[in-house]
Each structure stands twice: as structure tokens, then as C-alpha cells.
Protein backbone atom coordinates (compact mmCIF):
# COMPACT_ATOMS: atom_id res chain seq x y z
CA UNK A 1 -20.42 -12.15 14.31
CA UNK A 2 -18.86 -8.70 14.11
CA UNK A 3 -21.25 -5.80 14.02
CA UNK A 4 -18.10 -3.67 14.33
CA UNK A 5 -14.81 -3.36 12.44
CA UNK A 6 -12.02 -5.92 12.67
CA UNK A 7 -9.17 -3.91 14.21
CA UNK A 8 -5.72 -5.16 13.24
CA UNK A 9 -2.28 -5.28 14.82
CA UNK A 10 0.22 -4.46 12.07
CA UNK A 11 3.49 -6.18 11.23
CA UNK A 12 6.58 -3.92 11.32
CA UNK A 13 9.46 -4.63 8.93
CA UNK A 14 13.08 -3.52 9.14
CA UNK A 15 14.54 -2.24 5.88
CA UNK A 16 17.97 -0.91 4.90
CA UNK A 17 16.30 2.36 3.83
CA UNK A 18 13.96 2.71 6.85
CA UNK A 19 13.94 5.13 9.77
CA UNK A 20 12.05 5.95 12.98
CA UNK A 21 9.03 7.89 11.76
CA UNK A 22 6.68 4.92 12.07
CA UNK A 23 7.20 5.41 15.81
CA UNK A 24 7.36 9.21 15.99
CA UNK A 25 4.49 9.83 13.56
CA UNK A 26 2.22 6.84 14.21
CA UNK A 27 3.19 5.55 17.64
CA UNK A 28 4.08 2.02 16.50
CA UNK A 29 6.48 -0.05 18.60
CA UNK A 30 9.20 -0.38 15.97
CA UNK A 31 11.91 -3.05 16.19
CA UNK A 32 14.83 -0.74 15.29
CA UNK A 33 15.90 2.65 13.95
CA UNK A 34 15.76 1.24 10.42
CA UNK A 35 12.09 0.29 10.30
CA UNK A 36 10.72 0.93 6.85
CA UNK A 37 7.35 -0.80 6.52
CA UNK A 38 4.16 -1.19 8.48
CA UNK A 39 2.03 -3.98 6.98
CA UNK A 40 -1.21 -2.58 8.35
CA UNK A 41 -3.77 -4.84 6.65
CA UNK A 42 -2.14 -8.04 5.53
CA UNK A 43 -3.07 -11.65 4.94
CA UNK A 44 0.23 -12.35 3.22
CA UNK A 45 2.26 -15.20 4.78
CA UNK A 46 5.35 -12.95 4.97
CA UNK A 47 3.60 -10.72 7.52
CA UNK A 48 -0.04 -11.36 8.44
CA UNK A 49 -1.94 -8.89 10.63
CA UNK A 50 -3.48 -10.10 13.90
CA UNK A 51 -7.07 -9.29 14.89
CA UNK A 52 -7.29 -7.25 18.12
CA UNK A 53 -11.00 -7.38 19.01
CA UNK A 54 -14.11 -9.54 19.10
CA UNK A 55 -14.59 -13.27 18.68
CA UNK A 56 -11.53 -13.72 16.47
CA UNK A 57 -9.13 -11.79 18.75
CA UNK A 58 -5.65 -13.29 18.42
CA UNK A 59 -6.35 -14.91 15.05
CA UNK A 60 -4.50 -13.79 11.95
CA UNK A 61 -6.28 -12.23 9.01
CA UNK A 62 -5.30 -15.35 7.03
CA UNK A 63 -7.26 -17.51 9.50
CA UNK A 64 -10.26 -15.17 9.43
CA UNK A 65 -10.28 -15.25 5.61
CA UNK A 66 -10.03 -19.05 5.47
CA UNK A 67 -12.53 -19.82 8.24
CA UNK A 68 -15.08 -16.98 8.12
CA UNK A 69 -15.54 -15.95 4.49
CA UNK A 70 -18.99 -14.57 5.43
CA UNK A 71 -17.17 -11.58 6.95
CA UNK A 72 -15.89 -10.77 3.47
CA UNK A 73 -19.14 -11.23 1.59
CA UNK A 74 -18.01 -14.69 0.43
CA UNK A 75 -15.58 -12.94 -1.92
CA UNK A 76 -14.48 -15.44 -4.53
CA UNK A 77 -10.66 -15.25 -4.62
CA UNK A 78 -8.79 -18.12 -3.00
CA UNK A 79 -6.45 -15.82 -1.09
CA UNK A 80 -7.07 -12.40 0.45
CA UNK A 81 -6.53 -10.09 -2.53
CA UNK A 82 -5.14 -6.83 -1.10
CA UNK A 83 -2.39 -5.52 1.19
CA UNK A 84 -2.10 -2.09 2.82
CA UNK A 85 1.26 -0.70 3.99
CA UNK A 86 2.74 2.50 5.34
CA UNK A 87 6.32 3.08 4.15
CA UNK A 88 8.85 5.40 5.79
CA UNK A 89 11.73 5.96 3.38
CA UNK A 90 14.57 7.64 5.26
CA UNK A 91 16.77 7.01 2.24
CA UNK A 92 16.02 5.98 -1.36
CA UNK A 93 14.39 2.63 -2.03
CA UNK A 94 15.91 0.44 -4.70
CA UNK A 95 14.72 0.99 -8.27
CA UNK A 96 12.43 -1.97 -8.90
CA UNK A 97 9.58 -3.48 -10.86
CA UNK A 98 6.87 -6.07 -10.19
CA UNK A 99 5.42 -8.78 -12.47
CA UNK A 100 1.81 -9.22 -13.55
CA UNK A 101 -0.37 -12.14 -12.42
CA UNK A 102 0.53 -14.37 -15.37
CA UNK A 103 4.28 -14.03 -14.85
CA UNK A 104 3.92 -14.45 -11.06
CA UNK A 105 2.01 -17.71 -11.51
CA UNK A 106 4.14 -19.16 -14.28
CA UNK A 107 7.59 -18.16 -13.01
CA UNK A 108 7.25 -17.60 -9.25
CA UNK A 109 4.40 -20.01 -8.51
CA UNK A 110 2.63 -17.21 -6.63
CA UNK A 111 -1.07 -16.32 -7.02
CA UNK A 112 -0.69 -12.58 -7.58
CA UNK A 113 1.58 -10.18 -9.38
CA UNK A 114 1.82 -6.70 -7.95
CA UNK A 115 -0.04 -3.64 -9.07
CA UNK A 116 0.06 -0.93 -6.41
CA UNK A 117 -0.69 2.73 -5.74
CA UNK A 118 0.75 5.37 -3.44
CA UNK A 119 -0.82 8.18 -1.42
CA UNK A 120 1.91 10.60 -0.32
CA UNK A 121 1.28 11.17 3.41
CA UNK A 122 4.29 13.43 3.93
CA UNK A 123 7.59 14.31 2.30
CA UNK A 124 10.46 16.70 2.51
CA UNK A 125 10.43 19.68 0.16
CA UNK A 126 11.86 18.78 -3.24
CA UNK A 127 11.37 15.03 -2.77
CA UNK A 128 11.34 12.84 -5.87
CA UNK A 129 10.18 9.41 -6.91
CA UNK A 130 11.28 7.24 -9.81
CA UNK A 131 8.19 6.65 -11.93
CA UNK A 132 8.89 4.97 -15.23
CA UNK A 133 11.85 5.01 -17.61
CA UNK A 134 12.92 6.57 -20.92
CA UNK A 135 13.91 3.41 -22.85
CA UNK A 136 11.89 2.62 -25.97
CA UNK A 137 12.72 -1.10 -26.03
CA UNK A 138 14.14 -3.93 -23.91
CA UNK A 139 17.40 -3.63 -25.86
CA UNK A 140 17.79 0.06 -25.06
CA UNK A 141 16.84 -0.61 -21.43
CA UNK A 142 19.51 -3.33 -21.15
CA UNK A 143 22.16 -1.12 -22.76
CA UNK A 144 21.52 1.79 -20.37
CA UNK A 145 21.58 -0.55 -17.36
CA UNK A 146 24.85 -2.17 -18.44
CA UNK A 147 26.43 1.25 -19.00
CA UNK A 148 25.15 2.56 -15.66
CA UNK A 149 23.38 5.47 -17.40
CA UNK A 150 20.79 5.82 -14.66
CA UNK A 151 20.10 9.53 -15.25
CA UNK A 152 19.30 8.77 -18.89
CA UNK A 153 17.20 5.72 -18.05
CA UNK A 154 15.10 6.71 -15.05
CA UNK A 155 12.15 9.07 -15.11
CA UNK A 156 12.01 11.20 -11.94
CA UNK A 157 8.97 13.10 -10.66
CA UNK A 158 8.74 15.73 -7.89
CA UNK A 159 6.12 14.99 -5.22
CA UNK A 160 4.26 16.78 -2.44
CA UNK A 161 1.92 15.65 0.37
CA UNK A 162 -1.48 14.58 -0.97
CA UNK A 163 -0.17 13.42 -4.35
CA UNK A 164 -1.33 10.04 -5.61
CA UNK A 165 0.33 7.62 -8.04
CA UNK A 166 -1.05 4.47 -9.67
CA UNK A 167 1.75 1.96 -10.31
CA UNK A 168 0.64 -0.95 -12.53
CA UNK A 169 2.77 -4.09 -12.72
CA UNK A 170 5.61 -3.56 -15.20
CA UNK A 171 6.24 0.04 -14.04
CA UNK A 172 9.83 0.85 -13.03
CA UNK A 173 9.57 2.76 -9.76
CA UNK A 174 11.20 3.82 -6.50
CA UNK A 175 10.27 5.98 -3.54
CA UNK A 176 12.87 8.63 -2.71
CA UNK A 177 14.32 9.41 0.68
CA UNK A 178 12.27 11.65 2.96
CA UNK A 179 8.92 10.35 1.69
CA UNK A 180 6.20 8.60 3.70
CA UNK A 181 3.42 6.87 1.78
CA UNK A 182 0.38 4.70 2.24
CA UNK A 183 0.52 1.90 -0.31
CA UNK A 184 -2.52 -0.07 -1.47
CA UNK A 185 -1.53 -3.12 -3.51
CA UNK A 186 -2.26 -6.65 -4.56
CA UNK A 187 -1.29 -9.17 -1.88
CA UNK A 188 2.13 -9.94 -3.32
CA UNK A 189 5.72 -9.70 -2.14
CA UNK A 190 7.51 -10.23 -5.48
CA UNK A 191 10.06 -7.51 -6.21
CA UNK A 192 12.75 -7.38 -8.90
CA UNK A 193 15.55 -4.89 -8.17
CA UNK A 194 17.17 -3.09 -11.08
CA UNK A 195 19.45 -0.71 -9.15
CA UNK A 196 20.28 -0.29 -5.46
CA UNK A 197 22.75 2.64 -5.52
CA UNK A 198 25.61 0.16 -4.79
CA UNK A 199 24.61 0.10 -1.11
CA UNK A 200 26.02 -2.49 1.28
CA UNK A 201 24.61 -4.01 4.44
CA UNK A 202 26.36 -4.18 7.84
CA UNK A 203 28.52 -7.06 6.55
CA UNK A 204 29.54 -5.12 3.45
CA UNK A 205 27.35 -7.13 1.05
CA UNK A 206 25.36 -5.60 -1.76
CA UNK A 207 21.73 -6.67 -2.12
CA UNK A 208 20.85 -9.00 -4.96
CA UNK A 209 19.75 -7.46 -8.25
CA UNK A 210 17.31 -9.09 -10.70
CA UNK A 211 18.24 -7.59 -14.07
CA UNK A 212 16.89 -10.29 -16.38
CA UNK A 213 13.39 -10.62 -14.88
CA UNK A 214 13.24 -6.82 -14.60
CA UNK A 215 13.84 -6.50 -18.33
CA UNK A 216 11.29 -9.24 -19.06
CA UNK A 217 8.41 -7.77 -17.04
CA UNK A 218 8.92 -4.02 -17.64
CA UNK A 219 6.64 -1.98 -19.87
CA UNK A 220 8.04 -0.50 -23.13
CA UNK A 221 7.76 2.39 -23.57
CA UNK A 222 6.61 3.68 -20.18
CA UNK A 223 3.09 5.08 -20.18
CA UNK A 224 1.80 7.07 -17.22
CA UNK A 225 -1.85 6.23 -16.51
CA UNK A 226 -4.24 9.16 -16.71
CA UNK A 227 -6.14 9.55 -13.45
CA UNK A 228 -9.42 11.42 -13.09
CA UNK A 229 -10.37 12.00 -9.48
CA UNK A 230 -14.06 11.86 -8.60
CA UNK A 231 -14.97 14.06 -5.65
CA UNK A 232 -18.18 13.88 -3.63
CA UNK A 233 -18.68 16.76 -1.21
CA UNK A 234 -20.91 16.19 1.81
CA UNK A 235 -21.81 18.65 4.53
CA UNK A 236 -18.91 17.62 6.76
CA UNK A 237 -16.87 15.28 4.58
CA UNK A 238 -15.11 15.11 1.23
CA UNK A 239 -14.75 11.70 -0.41
CA UNK A 240 -12.32 11.42 -3.33
CA UNK A 241 -12.10 8.37 -5.57
CA UNK A 242 -8.37 8.28 -6.34
CA UNK A 243 -8.41 5.29 -8.67
CA UNK A 244 -10.82 2.64 -9.89
CA UNK A 245 -8.66 -0.03 -11.50
CA UNK A 246 -8.55 -3.72 -12.32
CA UNK A 247 -7.59 -4.98 -8.86
CA UNK A 248 -8.77 -2.29 -6.46
CA UNK A 249 -10.64 0.95 -5.95
CA UNK A 250 -9.07 3.47 -3.55
CA UNK A 251 -10.70 6.47 -1.87
CA UNK A 252 -9.51 9.27 0.39
CA UNK A 253 -11.95 10.26 3.13
CA UNK A 254 -11.55 13.70 4.71
CA UNK A 255 -14.06 13.96 7.56
CA UNK A 256 -14.57 17.22 9.44
CA UNK A 257 -17.47 16.34 11.68
CA UNK A 258 -19.78 13.51 10.63
CA UNK A 259 -19.92 11.11 7.67
CA UNK A 260 -22.37 8.22 7.15
CA UNK A 261 -21.77 5.44 4.64
CA UNK A 262 -24.03 2.58 3.65
CA UNK A 263 -21.93 -0.47 2.75
CA UNK A 264 -22.14 -1.43 -0.92
CA UNK A 265 -18.95 -3.53 -1.11
CA UNK A 266 -18.12 -6.98 0.31
CA UNK A 267 -15.62 -5.34 2.70
CA UNK A 268 -13.52 -2.18 3.10
CA UNK A 269 -9.88 -1.78 4.17
CA UNK A 270 -9.48 1.44 6.18
CA UNK A 271 -6.27 3.13 7.37
CA UNK A 272 -6.41 6.32 9.45
CA UNK A 273 -3.59 8.63 8.33
CA UNK A 274 -4.56 11.77 10.26
CA UNK A 275 -6.64 12.86 13.24
CA UNK A 276 -8.90 10.99 15.62
CA UNK A 277 -12.58 10.34 16.26
CA UNK A 278 -15.01 7.46 16.55
CA UNK A 279 -16.64 4.92 14.27
CA UNK A 280 -20.19 3.82 15.03
CA UNK A 281 -21.68 0.64 13.60
CA UNK A 282 -25.14 -0.59 14.51
CA UNK A 283 -25.08 0.86 18.01
CA UNK A 284 -21.44 0.03 18.78
CA UNK A 285 -18.94 2.85 19.02
CA UNK A 286 -15.15 2.51 18.83
CA UNK A 287 -12.46 5.19 19.10
CA UNK A 288 -10.14 5.50 16.10
CA UNK A 289 -6.95 7.49 15.63
CA UNK A 290 -4.02 8.07 13.28
CA UNK A 291 -2.22 4.79 12.73
CA UNK A 292 -5.26 2.52 13.14
CA UNK A 293 -5.99 -0.09 10.50
CA UNK A 294 -9.26 -1.99 10.30
CA UNK A 295 -11.60 -3.87 8.01
CA UNK A 296 -15.30 -3.08 7.80
CA UNK A 297 -16.82 -6.52 7.18
CA UNK A 298 -19.85 -7.56 5.15
CA UNK A 299 -21.78 -8.06 8.42
CA UNK A 300 -21.86 -4.26 8.93
CA UNK A 301 -24.46 -2.47 6.83
CA UNK A 302 -23.79 1.16 7.76
CA UNK A 303 -21.01 3.14 9.43
CA UNK A 304 -20.87 6.62 10.91
CA UNK A 305 -17.58 8.44 11.37
CA UNK A 306 -17.33 11.30 13.84
CA UNK A 307 -14.34 13.57 14.35
CA UNK A 308 -11.58 15.18 12.33
CA UNK A 309 -10.11 12.24 10.45
CA UNK A 310 -8.40 11.42 7.17
CA UNK A 311 -8.46 7.84 5.91
CA UNK A 312 -7.30 5.92 2.85
CA UNK A 313 -9.89 3.27 2.00
CA UNK A 314 -9.68 0.42 -0.50
CA UNK A 315 -11.70 -2.54 -1.69
CA UNK A 316 -11.17 -5.20 -4.37
């Protein structure tokens, strides 16, 4: 079964801060002009991907995980561990934070907290993210929130295309308007909002905030992880290890011709963020292009990429 990748049909999500670039940039059939998220590789019940090819065509990734664990090297976790998204932020996302695994299990009865990371695909000049805060303690954090002193509280960072950020659980964060990212994360949908810019929906209602759990799960003081990129240069490809962390390892592949990889992981999650070409696996060749998401299963021992392609690749 499967001597080729599992190609996936993504789930598209409308968001108050979303736009149209998931259609104009990636060619997705978006549901509206406020589409903010593409869940490209997902086995989360809030938006599972559907397999597009082979014997499991029409099945969800949840079903494939439950019924054919051999495709994933019999990986030991009960639920599929990772989730890959593309986010189009036309306007600012809410300032938010995610819990760790322990808090998620004890308080939310969910298997995973949410540690994530962002690869900046594109952004407008001068774009900013919120990445951390300036409070030294929960008490100071609460005081600044209650007083609405957001400029004093929030730590803002300028970004440019190609930047990468590791966002462990407990990190206050927000993507700014005009930014498009690829997000690799634990398979979790738990979000606590701290601040939403007093926005209202079409009915004039503000979105719910979660001040108390936000204070409980946030890190004090904020510490930005130090990242050391590892770069391997091949004749026609550059492979950069962006992060090797507790829950995932993430690479950026920049192929300008040909790149061959022998599989040494149970499975790989691959998202094409630029260009087009082909992927060859054990005699089978498939076209790939910007916007494609697929999993290279344990049943494939070697892949060859041909073309001018950039991919973000993760594994647990």
C-alpha cells in the first residue's frame, strides 16, 4: 500500500481576520472573502484532511491513522500528533496563548496542548507580530491587562519573508495584518484570547476573551528561544533545519533542480509553498505545485524531487 505520497485535500476556515489570498496565491476554492486558514495536513476532528489518491481515496487522515498505522511507521501516539496550516491574516489576529499538554489534559480534557512554529511565506513591508510580553509576573500581567496598557504589555517584532519563529506553549503571540505564514504545530485547537482589539462580528458581538486561563498558562517572564539553523547544501538543493524541538522537527527545502532523500523518519508532512515540479517514489512520478500538501509514508524508502520548488517539511 502506497509507494507514493498521500495527497491531501485541505480544509478551509473562515475567520474574522481572513482575506482572499488563499485563493489568489494558492488557488484554493475558498468559502468567502474572509477565509483565514487552510488546514493542509490535519487529523484534528475540527477539520480533517481528505486523501485524494490511491487505495484510501476519500478517507480522512483520521481514518488512515486509525486503520493503517503501518503507513506511519506504527508511530506510538494515540492520535495523529501534528497539524500543518497556512494562515492569511488580512487584519490582526487576536493576542492569544496556548496551554501545554498537562493543562490541556487536566482542564480541557484534550490530548495535546499547542506548541507551534511559523515560517513567514509573505508579508507587507513593516509587518509586525506579537511575540511575548514585558510583564515579570502574573500580577503585573493582570494589572496591565485590566488597565488596557497593551503597548506596555505586548512585545512586538518586525518580520520579513523567510523569517521563522518557534512559539512554545505559554508564549503570548499574534500574527499581524498583511502576513501569510505556514504554521507547523501540535494537533490542538485550544486557544485562549487575551485581547481582540474590541472587534465585533456582523451582529455587533465581541468575541469571547479568556483572561484567567491566559494568565494561568503564560510564561513569566517571556523568554525567546535561541534558534540555530543547520544548513546542508547539495548540488541543486539547500536543506535548512529550522527547529528541532520536543514535539516536532521542521525543515525548509529549497530545490533548484534535483534532490534525493532517503527516508529516516516514520513519515514526513510536506507543504509546497513555492514553485512546481515532480516527486518520484519507487518508479512512480507525481506532479506537485505550490499549495499541495502531502504525507510521505513509511512505505516509501526514497524520494526524488525535480523542479524549482520550496517546501516546509515536518515530522514528529
